[in-house]
């Protein structure tokens, strides 16, 4: 999971990949264990999953786009859900990252 956040945060962009992975692992632990933000990730995932389900169902029943266009629309909704989840997860991870970097600088 941390590999997709290599060079994602400006604070650690100039560091080596191994160092970034180490810092990201500490940031994930800080955010989701110490700061207890895991409930937000679960909430984001549930809301996004329900949204994707609602949109795909609406596309299927209301627009009747057929197999090809309906499948493309569903794929776009799933891709959008993935990118939104990645962005929200990144924001929570950034909170842990700030704590880790502040602890290293102190």
Protein backbone atom coordinates (compact mmCIF):
# COMPACT_ATOMS: atom_id res chain seq x y z
CA UNK A 1 0.00 0.00 0.00
CA UNK A 2 2.83 2.39 0.77
CA UNK A 3 4.37 1.98 -2.70
CA UNK A 4 1.64 4.10 -4.26
CA UNK A 5 2.59 6.95 -1.92
CA UNK A 6 6.26 7.09 -2.97
CA UNK A 7 6.93 10.67 -4.12
CA UNK A 8 3.32 11.56 -3.20
CA UNK A 9 4.07 13.89 -0.30
CA UNK A 10 6.20 16.98 -0.87
CA UNK A 11 7.78 16.70 2.59
CA UNK A 12 9.63 13.47 1.73
CA UNK A 13 9.80 13.66 -2.06
CA UNK A 14 13.57 14.20 -2.24
CA UNK A 15 14.49 11.19 -0.12
CA UNK A 16 15.39 7.70 -1.29
CA UNK A 17 12.65 5.13 -1.85
CA UNK A 18 13.81 3.00 1.08
CA UNK A 19 13.76 5.99 3.41
CA UNK A 20 10.35 7.04 2.12
CA UNK A 21 8.96 3.54 2.71
CA UNK A 22 10.33 3.55 6.26
CA UNK A 23 8.83 6.97 6.99
CA UNK A 24 5.50 6.00 5.40
CA UNK A 25 5.32 2.83 7.50
CA UNK A 26 5.88 4.91 10.64
CA UNK A 27 3.32 7.47 9.44
CA UNK A 28 0.74 4.74 8.81
CA UNK A 29 1.33 3.34 12.31
CA UNK A 30 1.11 6.83 13.80
CA UNK A 31 -2.09 7.72 11.96
CA UNK A 32 -4.02 4.49 12.33
CA UNK A 33 -2.78 3.07 15.64
CA UNK A 34 -1.66 6.03 17.72
CA UNK A 35 -4.11 8.65 16.43
CA UNK A 36 -6.84 6.02 15.89
CA UNK A 37 -7.93 7.28 12.46
CA UNK A 38 -8.72 3.78 11.20
CA UNK A 39 -12.44 4.36 11.81
CA UNK A 40 -12.34 7.20 9.27
CA UNK A 41 -10.77 4.93 6.66
CA UNK A 42 -13.49 2.36 7.26
CA UNK A 43 -16.13 5.08 7.04
CA UNK A 44 -14.65 6.43 3.81
CA UNK A 45 -14.55 2.94 2.33
CA UNK A 46 -18.15 2.16 3.29
CA UNK A 47 -19.50 5.48 1.99
CA UNK A 48 -17.56 5.18 -1.27
CA UNK A 49 -18.65 1.57 -1.74
CA UNK A 50 -22.29 2.51 -1.21
CA UNK A 51 -21.92 5.48 -3.57
CA UNK A 52 -20.44 3.28 -6.27
CA UNK A 53 -23.25 0.77 -5.79
CA UNK A 54 -25.92 3.49 -6.00
CA UNK A 55 -24.40 5.09 -9.10
CA UNK A 56 -23.92 1.81 -10.93
CA UNK A 57 -27.47 0.75 -10.07
CA UNK A 58 -28.85 4.09 -11.23
CA UNK A 59 -26.91 3.84 -14.48
CA UNK A 60 -28.22 0.33 -15.07
CA UNK A 61 -31.90 1.01 -14.36
CA UNK A 62 -32.44 4.61 -15.42
CA UNK A 63 -30.24 5.01 -18.45
CA UNK A 64 -30.19 1.49 -19.90
CA UNK A 65 -26.97 2.16 -21.79
CA UNK A 66 -26.50 -1.42 -22.90
CA UNK A 67 -23.69 -3.76 -22.09
CA UNK A 68 -20.79 -1.83 -23.64
CA UNK A 69 -21.64 1.73 -22.59
CA UNK A 70 -23.06 0.62 -19.27
CA UNK A 71 -19.87 -1.30 -18.55
CA UNK A 72 -17.77 1.72 -19.47
CA UNK A 73 -19.86 3.96 -17.23
CA UNK A 74 -19.51 1.47 -14.38
CA UNK A 75 -15.76 1.29 -14.90
CA UNK A 76 -15.54 5.07 -14.75
CA UNK A 77 -17.53 5.12 -11.49
CA UNK A 78 -15.25 2.46 -9.98
CA UNK A 79 -12.13 4.34 -11.10
CA UNK A 80 -13.47 7.57 -9.63
CA UNK A 81 -14.20 5.76 -6.36
CA UNK A 82 -10.66 4.39 -6.28
CA UNK A 83 -9.08 7.80 -6.83
CA UNK A 84 -11.29 9.44 -4.21
CA UNK A 85 -10.40 6.71 -1.70
CA UNK A 86 -6.71 7.11 -2.45
CA UNK A 87 -6.95 10.86 -1.95
CA UNK A 88 -8.82 10.57 1.36
CA UNK A 89 -6.48 7.84 2.62
CA UNK A 90 -3.54 10.05 1.64
CA UNK A 91 -4.93 12.92 3.70
CA UNK A 92 -5.17 10.70 6.77
CA UNK A 93 -1.70 9.32 6.13
CA UNK A 94 -0.43 12.90 5.84
CA UNK A 95 -1.59 13.58 9.40
CA UNK A 96 0.58 10.71 10.62
CA UNK A 97 3.43 11.86 8.40
CA UNK A 98 3.41 15.32 9.96
CA UNK A 99 3.62 13.77 13.43
CA UNK A 100 6.49 11.50 12.43
CA UNK A 101 8.45 14.33 10.79
CA UNK A 102 7.87 16.62 13.79
CA UNK A 103 9.16 13.87 16.10
CA UNK A 104 12.26 13.38 13.91
CA UNK A 105 13.00 17.10 13.82
CA UNK A 106 12.64 17.53 17.58
